[in-house]
Amino acid sequence: MISNAIARRYAKALVQLGSENGLVEQFSRELKVVNELIAGSAELAAVLGNPAFTAEQKKQVVKELVSRLGCCELVSNFLLLLVDKNRIACLAQIVGTYEQLADEQSGVLRPLITTAFALDEEQVAAIRVALEQKTGKKVVPHVSVDQSLVGGVVAQIGDIVYDCSVKTQLTRIHDILQKG
């Protein structure tokens, strides 16, 4: 719970900084790359999480990392601050929270679209347009396939679920027939 509050505080500050400088999307891209690299490298994660290494040694590793990745100075300074404050372990949560806050600020929704079969680009675009009209916000869908749906589409935006799947319709018919 404490790490969620910490992640939110850092992410909120970074979104504000990015917004002031018009770099919200760039921050997002760079933070994702750094986070994925750390998460994907057991050695790098071990070095950054190991108390046997000094803060200066960890900062040198982070400086080398951001230099190779070509991160902007603000993201570099942010990551060095996390090392200084011994919060680098919270990076994944900070990145996730940053994404949410940046999306809220820019009016972007990222719904999970689940279908029984793979959709082509035109079908995804049609669903995106329908959701944009329904919500009045920009929609960036994430599409997944669940063959148990039999057919149709389930769109989940936060806590709201639009379920137009054949599986759900069959379940409703079954319940109606059971009740008589």
N, C-alpha and C. Protein backbone atom coordinates (compact mmCIF):
# COMPACT_ATOMS: atom_id res chain seq x y z
N MET A 1 0.82 -1.20 0.00
CA MET A 1 0.00 0.00 0.00
C MET A 1 0.86 1.25 0.00
N ILE A 2 1.94 1.22 0.79
CA ILE A 2 2.82 2.38 0.84
C ILE A 2 3.45 2.62 -0.53
N SER A 3 3.86 1.55 -1.19
CA SER A 3 4.50 1.71 -2.49
C SER A 3 3.53 2.27 -3.53
N ASN A 4 2.22 1.99 -3.41
CA ASN A 4 1.24 2.59 -4.31
C ASN A 4 1.18 4.10 -4.13
N ALA A 5 1.20 4.54 -2.87
CA ALA A 5 1.18 5.97 -2.60
C ALA A 5 2.46 6.63 -3.10
N ILE A 6 3.58 5.95 -2.91
CA ILE A 6 4.86 6.47 -3.38
C ILE A 6 4.85 6.55 -4.91
N ALA A 7 4.41 5.49 -5.55
CA ALA A 7 4.36 5.46 -7.01
C ALA A 7 3.48 6.58 -7.54
N ARG A 8 2.35 6.78 -6.91
CA ARG A 8 1.42 7.83 -7.35
C ARG A 8 2.06 9.22 -7.20
N ARG A 9 2.74 9.44 -6.10
CA ARG A 9 3.37 10.74 -5.86
C ARG A 9 4.43 11.03 -6.93
N TYR A 10 5.30 10.07 -7.18
CA TYR A 10 6.35 10.26 -8.19
C TYR A 10 5.74 10.40 -9.59
N ALA A 11 4.78 9.56 -9.91
CA ALA A 11 4.16 9.60 -11.24
C ALA A 11 3.43 10.92 -11.46
N LYS A 12 2.75 11.39 -10.45
CA LYS A 12 2.01 12.65 -10.57
C LYS A 12 2.97 13.81 -10.83
N ALA A 13 4.08 13.83 -10.11
CA ALA A 13 5.08 14.88 -10.32
C ALA A 13 5.67 14.80 -11.72
N LEU A 14 5.92 13.60 -12.19
CA LEU A 14 6.50 13.42 -13.52
C LEU A 14 5.51 13.80 -14.62
N VAL A 15 4.24 13.48 -14.45
CA VAL A 15 3.22 13.88 -15.42
C VAL A 15 3.13 15.40 -15.48
N GLN A 16 3.16 16.02 -14.32
CA GLN A 16 3.10 17.49 -14.28
C GLN A 16 4.31 18.09 -14.99
N LEU A 17 5.49 17.55 -14.72
CA LEU A 17 6.71 18.03 -15.36
C LEU A 17 6.64 17.81 -16.88
N GLY A 18 6.19 16.64 -17.28
CA GLY A 18 6.05 16.35 -18.70
C GLY A 18 5.04 17.24 -19.38
N SER A 19 3.95 17.53 -18.69
CA SER A 19 2.91 18.39 -19.23
C SER A 19 3.42 19.81 -19.42
N GLU A 20 4.17 20.30 -18.46
CA GLU A 20 4.72 21.65 -18.55
C GLU A 20 5.68 21.80 -19.71
N ASN A 21 6.37 20.74 -20.05
CA ASN A 21 7.36 20.78 -21.12
C ASN A 21 6.88 20.15 -22.42
N GLY A 22 5.63 19.68 -22.46
CA GLY A 22 5.09 19.05 -23.66
C GLY A 22 5.76 17.73 -23.99
N LEU A 23 6.19 17.00 -22.96
CA LEU A 23 6.95 15.76 -23.17
C LEU A 23 6.27 14.53 -22.56
N VAL A 24 4.99 14.58 -22.35
CA VAL A 24 4.30 13.47 -21.68
C VAL A 24 4.48 12.16 -22.44
N GLU A 25 4.31 12.19 -23.76
CA GLU A 25 4.44 10.97 -24.57
C GLU A 25 5.89 10.48 -24.61
N GLN A 26 6.82 11.42 -24.72
CA GLN A 26 8.24 11.04 -24.76
C GLN A 26 8.64 10.40 -23.43
N PHE A 27 8.22 10.98 -22.32
CA PHE A 27 8.50 10.39 -21.00
C PHE A 27 7.95 8.98 -20.94
N SER A 28 6.72 8.82 -21.43
CA SER A 28 6.08 7.52 -21.40
C SER A 28 6.89 6.48 -22.16
N ARG A 29 7.30 6.81 -23.36
CA ARG A 29 8.08 5.88 -24.18
C ARG A 29 9.40 5.52 -23.49
N GLU A 30 10.10 6.53 -23.01
CA GLU A 30 11.41 6.29 -22.41
C GLU A 30 11.30 5.49 -21.12
N LEU A 31 10.31 5.82 -20.30
CA LEU A 31 10.14 5.08 -19.05
C LEU A 31 9.78 3.62 -19.31
N LYS A 32 8.95 3.38 -20.30
CA LYS A 32 8.58 2.00 -20.65
C LYS A 32 9.81 1.21 -21.07
N VAL A 33 10.64 1.81 -21.89
CA VAL A 33 11.83 1.11 -22.38
C VAL A 33 12.76 0.78 -21.22
N VAL A 34 13.00 1.76 -20.34
CA VAL A 34 13.88 1.53 -19.20
C VAL A 34 13.30 0.46 -18.29
N ASN A 35 12.01 0.55 -18.01
CA ASN A 35 11.36 -0.42 -17.13
C ASN A 35 11.42 -1.83 -17.72
N GLU A 36 11.15 -1.96 -19.02
CA GLU A 36 11.20 -3.27 -19.66
C GLU A 36 12.61 -3.85 -19.66
N LEU A 37 13.59 -2.98 -19.84
CA LEU A 37 14.97 -3.43 -19.84
C LEU A 37 15.38 -3.94 -18.46
N ILE A 38 15.01 -3.20 -17.42
CA ILE A 38 15.34 -3.62 -16.05
C ILE A 38 14.59 -4.90 -15.70
N ALA A 39 13.30 -4.96 -16.05
CA ALA A 39 12.50 -6.14 -15.74
C ALA A 39 13.00 -7.37 -16.52
N GLY A 40 13.53 -7.15 -17.71
CA GLY A 40 13.97 -8.26 -18.54
C GLY A 40 15.40 -8.72 -18.27
N SER A 41 16.11 -7.98 -17.45
CA SER A 41 17.49 -8.34 -17.16
C SER A 41 17.66 -8.64 -15.68
N ALA A 42 17.81 -9.91 -15.36
CA ALA A 42 17.97 -10.31 -13.97
C ALA A 42 19.22 -9.69 -13.35
N GLU A 43 20.28 -9.57 -14.14
CA GLU A 43 21.52 -9.00 -13.62
C GLU A 43 21.35 -7.52 -13.27
N LEU A 44 20.72 -6.78 -14.18
CA LEU A 44 20.50 -5.36 -13.96
C LEU A 44 19.59 -5.12 -12.76
N ALA A 45 18.52 -5.89 -12.66
CA ALA A 45 17.61 -5.77 -11.52
C ALA A 45 18.33 -6.12 -10.22
N ALA A 46 19.20 -7.13 -10.27
CA ALA A 46 19.94 -7.53 -9.07
C ALA A 46 20.89 -6.43 -8.61
N VAL A 47 21.57 -5.81 -9.55
CA VAL A 47 22.50 -4.73 -9.19
C VAL A 47 21.74 -3.56 -8.57
N LEU A 48 20.64 -3.16 -9.20
CA LEU A 48 19.89 -2.00 -8.71
C LEU A 48 19.18 -2.29 -7.39
N GLY A 49 18.88 -3.54 -7.12
CA GLY A 49 18.19 -3.90 -5.89
C GLY A 49 19.10 -4.36 -4.77
N ASN A 50 20.38 -4.52 -5.05
CA ASN A 50 21.33 -5.07 -4.08
C ASN A 50 21.90 -3.96 -3.19
N PRO A 51 21.69 -4.05 -1.89
CA PRO A 51 22.22 -3.02 -0.98
C PRO A 51 23.75 -3.05 -0.87
N ALA A 52 24.40 -4.09 -1.38
CA ALA A 52 25.86 -4.16 -1.34
C ALA A 52 26.49 -3.12 -2.28
N PHE A 53 25.73 -2.72 -3.31
CA PHE A 53 26.21 -1.68 -4.22
C PHE A 53 25.83 -0.32 -3.66
N THR A 54 26.76 0.62 -3.73
CA THR A 54 26.49 1.97 -3.21
C THR A 54 25.56 2.71 -4.18
N ALA A 55 24.99 3.80 -3.68
CA ALA A 55 24.13 4.63 -4.52
C ALA A 55 24.91 5.17 -5.72
N GLU A 56 26.17 5.52 -5.51
CA GLU A 56 27.00 6.02 -6.60
C GLU A 56 27.22 4.96 -7.67
N GLN A 57 27.43 3.72 -7.26
CA GLN A 57 27.61 2.64 -8.23
C GLN A 57 26.33 2.41 -9.03
N LYS A 58 25.21 2.45 -8.33
CA LYS A 58 23.92 2.27 -9.00
C LYS A 58 23.65 3.43 -9.95
N LYS A 59 24.02 4.64 -9.54
CA LYS A 59 23.82 5.81 -10.40
C LYS A 59 24.67 5.71 -11.66
N GLN A 60 25.87 5.16 -11.53
CA GLN A 60 26.71 4.97 -12.71
C GLN A 60 26.07 3.98 -13.69
N VAL A 61 25.47 2.93 -13.14
CA VAL A 61 24.77 1.95 -13.99
C VAL A 61 23.60 2.62 -14.70
N VAL A 62 22.82 3.41 -13.95
CA VAL A 62 21.66 4.09 -14.54
C VAL A 62 22.12 5.11 -15.58
N LYS A 63 23.18 5.86 -15.29
CA LYS A 63 23.70 6.84 -16.26
C LYS A 63 24.10 6.15 -17.56
N GLU A 64 24.79 5.03 -17.44
CA GLU A 64 25.20 4.28 -18.63
C GLU A 64 23.97 3.77 -19.40
N LEU A 65 22.99 3.29 -18.67
CA LEU A 65 21.76 2.78 -19.27
C LEU A 65 21.03 3.86 -20.05
N VAL A 66 20.79 5.01 -19.41
CA VAL A 66 20.04 6.08 -20.09
C VAL A 66 20.85 6.70 -21.23
N SER A 67 22.17 6.66 -21.10
CA SER A 67 23.02 7.16 -22.18
C SER A 67 22.88 6.28 -23.41
N ARG A 68 22.92 4.98 -23.21
CA ARG A 68 22.79 4.04 -24.33
C ARG A 68 21.41 4.08 -24.96
N LEU A 69 20.39 4.32 -24.13
CA LEU A 69 19.01 4.35 -24.63
C LEU A 69 18.66 5.70 -25.23
N GLY A 70 19.46 6.72 -24.94
CA GLY A 70 19.19 8.05 -25.47
C GLY A 70 18.03 8.75 -24.79
N CYS A 71 17.86 8.50 -23.51
CA CYS A 71 16.78 9.14 -22.76
C CYS A 71 17.08 10.62 -22.57
N CYS A 72 16.02 11.41 -22.48
CA CYS A 72 16.19 12.84 -22.27
C CYS A 72 16.72 13.11 -20.86
N GLU A 73 17.20 14.32 -20.66
CA GLU A 73 17.82 14.68 -19.39
C GLU A 73 16.83 14.59 -18.23
N LEU A 74 15.59 14.98 -18.46
CA LEU A 74 14.60 14.95 -17.38
C LEU A 74 14.31 13.53 -16.90
N VAL A 75 14.19 12.59 -17.82
CA VAL A 75 13.97 11.19 -17.45
C VAL A 75 15.22 10.64 -16.76
N SER A 76 16.37 11.00 -17.27
CA SER A 76 17.62 10.57 -16.65
C SER A 76 17.70 11.07 -15.21
N ASN A 77 17.41 12.35 -15.01
CA ASN A 77 17.44 12.92 -13.66
C ASN A 77 16.41 12.27 -12.75
N PHE A 78 15.26 11.95 -13.31
CA PHE A 78 14.21 11.29 -12.54
C PHE A 78 14.68 9.92 -12.05
N LEU A 79 15.29 9.16 -12.95
CA LEU A 79 15.78 7.83 -12.58
C LEU A 79 16.90 7.91 -11.55
N LEU A 80 17.76 8.91 -11.69
CA LEU A 80 18.83 9.10 -10.70
C LEU A 80 18.26 9.49 -9.34
N LEU A 81 17.18 10.27 -9.36
CA LEU A 81 16.49 10.63 -8.11
C LEU A 81 15.93 9.37 -7.44
N LEU A 82 15.36 8.48 -8.24
CA LEU A 82 14.84 7.23 -7.69
C LEU A 82 15.96 6.42 -7.03
N VAL A 83 17.11 6.41 -7.64
CA VAL A 83 18.25 5.70 -7.05
C VAL A 83 18.66 6.38 -5.75
N ASP A 84 18.76 7.73 -5.77
CA ASP A 84 19.13 8.48 -4.56
C ASP A 84 18.18 8.22 -3.40
N LYS A 85 16.89 8.16 -3.71
CA LYS A 85 15.87 7.98 -2.68
C LYS A 85 15.59 6.50 -2.39
N ASN A 86 16.35 5.62 -3.02
CA ASN A 86 16.19 4.17 -2.86
C ASN A 86 14.78 3.72 -3.24
N ARG A 87 14.27 4.27 -4.34
CA ARG A 87 12.92 3.96 -4.82
C ARG A 87 12.94 3.32 -6.21
N ILE A 88 14.08 2.93 -6.69
CA ILE A 88 14.17 2.35 -8.03
C ILE A 88 13.36 1.06 -8.12
N ALA A 89 13.17 0.38 -7.01
CA ALA A 89 12.37 -0.85 -7.00
C ALA A 89 10.90 -0.57 -7.30
N CYS A 90 10.48 0.67 -7.14
CA CYS A 90 9.09 1.07 -7.41
C CYS A 90 8.88 1.49 -8.86
N LEU A 91 9.90 1.38 -9.70
CA LEU A 91 9.82 1.90 -11.06
C LEU A 91 8.64 1.32 -11.84
N ALA A 92 8.42 0.03 -11.76
CA ALA A 92 7.31 -0.58 -12.52
C ALA A 92 5.97 0.02 -12.11
N GLN A 93 5.77 0.19 -10.81
CA GLN A 93 4.52 0.79 -10.34
C GLN A 93 4.41 2.25 -10.76
N ILE A 94 5.53 2.95 -10.71
CA ILE A 94 5.53 4.36 -11.11
C ILE A 94 5.17 4.48 -12.59
N VAL A 95 5.74 3.63 -13.42
CA VAL A 95 5.46 3.66 -14.85
C VAL A 95 3.97 3.36 -15.11
N GLY A 96 3.43 2.35 -14.43
CA GLY A 96 2.00 2.03 -14.60
C GLY A 96 1.11 3.18 -14.17
N THR A 97 1.42 3.78 -13.04
CA THR A 97 0.64 4.90 -12.53
C THR A 97 0.80 6.11 -13.45
N TYR A 98 2.01 6.31 -13.94
CA TYR A 98 2.26 7.42 -14.87
C TYR A 98 1.36 7.28 -16.10
N GLU A 99 1.29 6.07 -16.64
CA GLU A 99 0.44 5.83 -17.81
C GLU A 99 -1.01 6.20 -17.53
N GLN A 100 -1.51 5.77 -16.38
CA GLN A 100 -2.90 6.07 -16.02
C GLN A 100 -3.13 7.57 -15.90
N LEU A 101 -2.24 8.25 -15.19
CA LEU A 101 -2.40 9.69 -14.99
C LEU A 101 -2.26 10.46 -16.30
N ALA A 102 -1.32 10.05 -17.14
CA ALA A 102 -1.13 10.71 -18.43
C ALA A 102 -2.37 10.52 -19.31
N ASP A 103 -2.94 9.32 -19.28
CA ASP A 103 -4.16 9.05 -20.05
C ASP A 103 -5.33 9.89 -19.54
N GLU A 104 -5.47 9.98 -18.22
CA GLU A 104 -6.54 10.81 -17.65
C GLU A 104 -6.39 12.25 -18.08
N GLN A 105 -5.18 12.76 -18.03
CA GLN A 105 -4.93 14.15 -18.38
C GLN A 105 -5.22 14.42 -19.85
N SER A 106 -4.85 13.50 -20.71
CA SER A 106 -5.03 13.72 -22.15
C SER A 106 -6.37 13.20 -22.68
N GLY A 107 -7.19 12.60 -21.82
CA GLY A 107 -8.50 12.12 -22.25
C GLY A 107 -8.44 10.88 -23.11
N VAL A 108 -7.52 9.98 -22.80
CA VAL A 108 -7.35 8.74 -23.56
C VAL A 108 -7.86 7.57 -22.73
N LEU A 109 -8.62 6.70 -23.38
CA LEU A 109 -9.07 5.46 -22.75
C LEU A 109 -8.37 4.29 -23.44
N ARG A 110 -7.99 3.30 -22.64
CA ARG A 110 -7.34 2.10 -23.20
C ARG A 110 -8.17 0.87 -22.82
N PRO A 111 -9.25 0.64 -23.56
CA PRO A 111 -10.11 -0.50 -23.23
C PRO A 111 -9.50 -1.83 -23.65
N LEU A 112 -9.91 -2.87 -22.96
CA LEU A 112 -9.56 -4.23 -23.33
C LEU A 112 -10.71 -4.78 -24.15
N ILE A 113 -10.45 -5.10 -25.40
CA ILE A 113 -11.45 -5.65 -26.31
C ILE A 113 -11.16 -7.14 -26.43
N THR A 114 -12.13 -7.96 -26.04
CA THR A 114 -11.96 -9.41 -26.12
C THR A 114 -12.95 -9.96 -27.13
N THR A 115 -12.44 -10.77 -28.06
CA THR A 115 -13.30 -11.37 -29.08
C THR A 115 -13.03 -12.86 -29.15
N ALA A 116 -13.91 -13.57 -29.84
CA ALA A 116 -13.76 -15.01 -29.97
C ALA A 116 -12.76 -15.39 -31.06
N PHE A 117 -12.44 -14.45 -31.93
CA PHE A 117 -11.51 -14.70 -33.02
C PHE A 117 -10.74 -13.41 -33.32
N ALA A 118 -9.64 -13.52 -34.01
CA ALA A 118 -8.82 -12.35 -34.33
C ALA A 118 -9.58 -11.39 -35.23
N LEU A 119 -9.41 -10.10 -34.96
CA LEU A 119 -10.08 -9.06 -35.75
C LEU A 119 -9.08 -8.44 -36.72
N ASP A 120 -9.61 -8.01 -37.89
CA ASP A 120 -8.74 -7.27 -38.80
C ASP A 120 -8.77 -5.79 -38.42
N GLU A 121 -7.95 -4.99 -39.08
CA GLU A 121 -7.81 -3.57 -38.74
C GLU A 121 -9.12 -2.80 -38.88
N GLU A 122 -9.90 -3.12 -39.90
CA GLU A 122 -11.17 -2.43 -40.12
C GLU A 122 -12.15 -2.69 -38.97
N GLN A 123 -12.20 -3.92 -38.50
CA GLN A 123 -13.10 -4.26 -37.40
C GLN A 123 -12.67 -3.55 -36.11
N VAL A 124 -11.37 -3.53 -35.84
CA VAL A 124 -10.87 -2.83 -34.65
C VAL A 124 -11.17 -1.34 -34.75
N ALA A 125 -10.99 -0.78 -35.95
CA ALA A 125 -11.28 0.64 -36.16
C ALA A 125 -12.76 0.94 -35.93
N ALA A 126 -13.64 0.06 -36.37
CA ALA A 126 -15.08 0.26 -36.18
C ALA A 126 -15.44 0.24 -34.69
N ILE A 127 -14.84 -0.69 -33.96
CA ILE A 127 -15.09 -0.76 -32.51
C ILE A 127 -14.54 0.49 -31.83
N ARG A 128 -13.35 0.91 -32.25
CA ARG A 128 -12.73 2.11 -31.67
C ARG A 128 -13.62 3.34 -31.89
N VAL A 129 -14.11 3.50 -33.12
CA VAL A 129 -14.97 4.64 -33.44
C VAL A 129 -16.25 4.60 -32.61
N ALA A 130 -16.85 3.43 -32.48
CA ALA A 130 -18.08 3.30 -31.69
C ALA A 130 -17.83 3.66 -30.22
N LEU A 131 -16.70 3.21 -29.67
CA LEU A 131 -16.38 3.53 -28.28
C LEU A 131 -16.04 5.01 -28.11
N GLU A 132 -15.40 5.61 -29.11
CA GLU A 132 -15.10 7.04 -29.04
C GLU A 132 -16.39 7.85 -29.05
N GLN A 133 -17.37 7.44 -29.87
CA GLN A 133 -18.66 8.12 -29.89
C GLN A 133 -19.39 7.94 -28.57
N LYS A 134 -19.31 6.77 -28.00
CA LYS A 134 -19.99 6.46 -26.74
C LYS A 134 -19.38 7.24 -25.57
N THR A 135 -18.04 7.33 -25.54
CA THR A 135 -17.37 7.94 -24.39
C THR A 135 -16.98 9.40 -24.60
N GLY A 136 -16.84 9.83 -25.85
CA GLY A 136 -16.40 11.18 -26.13
C GLY A 136 -14.91 11.38 -25.90
N LYS A 137 -14.16 10.30 -25.81
CA LYS A 137 -12.72 10.38 -25.58
C LYS A 137 -11.99 9.58 -26.65
N LYS A 138 -10.69 9.84 -26.76
CA LYS A 138 -9.86 9.07 -27.68
C LYS A 138 -9.69 7.67 -27.11
N VAL A 139 -9.83 6.67 -27.97
CA VAL A 139 -9.76 5.27 -27.55
C VAL A 139 -8.57 4.59 -28.23
N VAL A 140 -7.73 3.94 -27.41
CA VAL A 140 -6.62 3.14 -27.92
C VAL A 140 -6.85 1.71 -27.42
N PRO A 141 -7.48 0.87 -28.25
CA PRO A 141 -7.87 -0.46 -27.78
C PRO A 141 -6.71 -1.45 -27.72
N HIS A 142 -6.83 -2.36 -26.76
CA HIS A 142 -5.94 -3.52 -26.67
C HIS A 142 -6.84 -4.73 -26.95
N VAL A 143 -6.54 -5.46 -28.00
CA VAL A 143 -7.41 -6.56 -28.44
C VAL A 143 -6.80 -7.89 -28.02
N SER A 144 -7.65 -8.75 -27.44
CA SER A 144 -7.23 -10.11 -27.11
C SER A 144 -8.30 -11.09 -27.59
N VAL A 145 -7.90 -12.35 -27.69
CA VAL A 145 -8.81 -13.38 -28.20
C VAL A 145 -9.11 -14.38 -27.09
N ASP A 146 -10.41 -14.68 -26.91
CA ASP A 146 -10.87 -15.69 -25.96
C ASP A 146 -11.92 -16.53 -26.68
N GLN A 147 -11.53 -17.71 -27.13
CA GLN A 147 -12.42 -18.53 -27.93
C GLN A 147 -13.64 -19.02 -27.17
N SER A 148 -13.62 -18.96 -25.84
CA SER A 148 -14.77 -19.39 -25.06
C SER A 148 -15.97 -18.46 -25.22
N LEU A 149 -15.76 -17.28 -25.81
CA LEU A 149 -16.87 -16.34 -26.01
C LEU A 149 -17.82 -16.81 -27.11
N VAL A 150 -17.41 -17.74 -27.93
CA VAL A 150 -18.15 -18.30 -29.05
C VAL A 150 -18.26 -17.28 -30.20
N GLY A 151 -18.64 -16.06 -29.91
CA GLY A 151 -18.76 -15.00 -30.90
C GLY A 151 -19.04 -13.69 -30.18
N GLY A 152 -19.02 -12.59 -30.92
CA GLY A 152 -19.31 -11.29 -30.33
C GLY A 152 -18.07 -10.63 -29.73
N VAL A 153 -18.34 -9.57 -28.96
CA VAL A 153 -17.27 -8.73 -28.43
C VAL A 153 -17.57 -8.36 -26.98
N VAL A 154 -16.50 -8.30 -26.16
CA VAL A 154 -16.60 -7.76 -24.81
C VAL A 154 -15.60 -6.62 -24.73
N ALA A 155 -16.09 -5.44 -24.36
CA ALA A 155 -15.21 -4.27 -24.21
C ALA A 155 -15.22 -3.85 -22.75
N GLN A 156 -14.03 -3.77 -22.17
CA GLN A 156 -13.92 -3.35 -20.77
C GLN A 156 -13.12 -2.06 -20.70
N ILE A 157 -13.78 -1.03 -20.15
CA ILE A 157 -13.14 0.27 -19.96
C ILE A 157 -13.19 0.57 -18.47
N GLY A 158 -12.08 0.34 -17.80
CA GLY A 158 -12.06 0.53 -16.35
C GLY A 158 -13.00 -0.46 -15.69
N ASP A 159 -14.01 0.05 -14.96
CA ASP A 159 -14.98 -0.79 -14.27
C ASP A 159 -16.21 -1.10 -15.12
N ILE A 160 -16.31 -0.47 -16.28
CA ILE A 160 -17.48 -0.65 -17.14
C ILE A 160 -17.21 -1.73 -18.18
N VAL A 161 -18.16 -2.66 -18.31
CA VAL A 161 -18.02 -3.75 -19.27
C VAL A 161 -19.21 -3.73 -20.21
N TYR A 162 -18.93 -3.67 -21.51
CA TYR A 162 -19.96 -3.81 -22.54
C TYR A 162 -19.82 -5.22 -23.09
N ASP A 163 -20.75 -6.10 -22.70
CA ASP A 163 -20.64 -7.51 -23.05
C ASP A 163 -21.68 -7.86 -24.10
N CYS A 164 -21.24 -8.03 -25.32
CA CYS A 164 -22.10 -8.42 -26.43
C CYS A 164 -21.66 -9.77 -26.98
N SER A 165 -21.24 -10.65 -26.08
CA SER A 165 -20.74 -11.94 -26.52
C SER A 165 -21.88 -12.95 -26.63
N VAL A 166 -21.70 -13.92 -27.48
CA VAL A 166 -22.68 -14.99 -27.65
C VAL A 166 -22.75 -15.81 -26.36
N LYS A 167 -21.63 -16.01 -25.72
CA LYS A 167 -21.59 -16.77 -24.47
C LYS A 167 -22.52 -16.15 -23.41
N THR A 168 -22.46 -14.84 -23.26
CA THR A 168 -23.32 -14.16 -22.28
C THR A 168 -24.78 -14.24 -22.69
N GLN A 169 -25.07 -14.07 -23.97
CA GLN A 169 -26.45 -14.16 -24.44
C GLN A 169 -27.01 -15.57 -24.22
N LEU A 170 -26.19 -16.60 -24.47
CA LEU A 170 -26.63 -17.97 -24.22
C LEU A 170 -26.87 -18.22 -22.72
N THR A 171 -26.03 -17.64 -21.89
CA THR A 171 -26.20 -17.77 -20.44
C THR A 171 -27.50 -17.12 -20.00
N ARG A 172 -27.82 -15.95 -20.56
CA ARG A 172 -29.07 -15.26 -20.21
C ARG A 172 -30.29 -16.07 -20.65
N ILE A 173 -30.23 -16.61 -21.85
CA ILE A 173 -31.33 -17.45 -22.34
C ILE A 173 -31.50 -18.67 -21.44
N HIS A 174 -30.36 -19.28 -21.08
CA HIS A 174 -30.39 -20.44 -20.19
C HIS A 174 -31.04 -20.08 -18.85
N ASP A 175 -30.68 -18.94 -18.29
CA ASP A 175 -31.26 -18.50 -17.00
C ASP A 175 -32.76 -18.25 -17.12
N ILE A 176 -33.19 -17.65 -18.23
CA ILE A 176 -34.62 -17.38 -18.44
C ILE A 176 -35.38 -18.69 -18.54
N LEU A 177 -34.82 -19.65 -19.28
CA LEU A 177 -35.49 -20.93 -19.43
C LEU A 177 -35.53 -21.71 -18.11
N GLN A 178 -34.52 -21.59 -17.29
CA GLN A 178 -34.47 -22.25 -16.00
C GLN A 178 -35.53 -21.69 -15.04
N LYS A 179 -35.75 -20.37 -15.12
CA LYS A 179 -36.72 -19.72 -14.23
C LYS A 179 -38.15 -19.99 -14.68
N GLY A 180 -38.34 -20.29 -15.92
CA GLY A 180 -39.64 -20.67 -16.44
C GLY A 180 -40.42 -19.55 -16.89
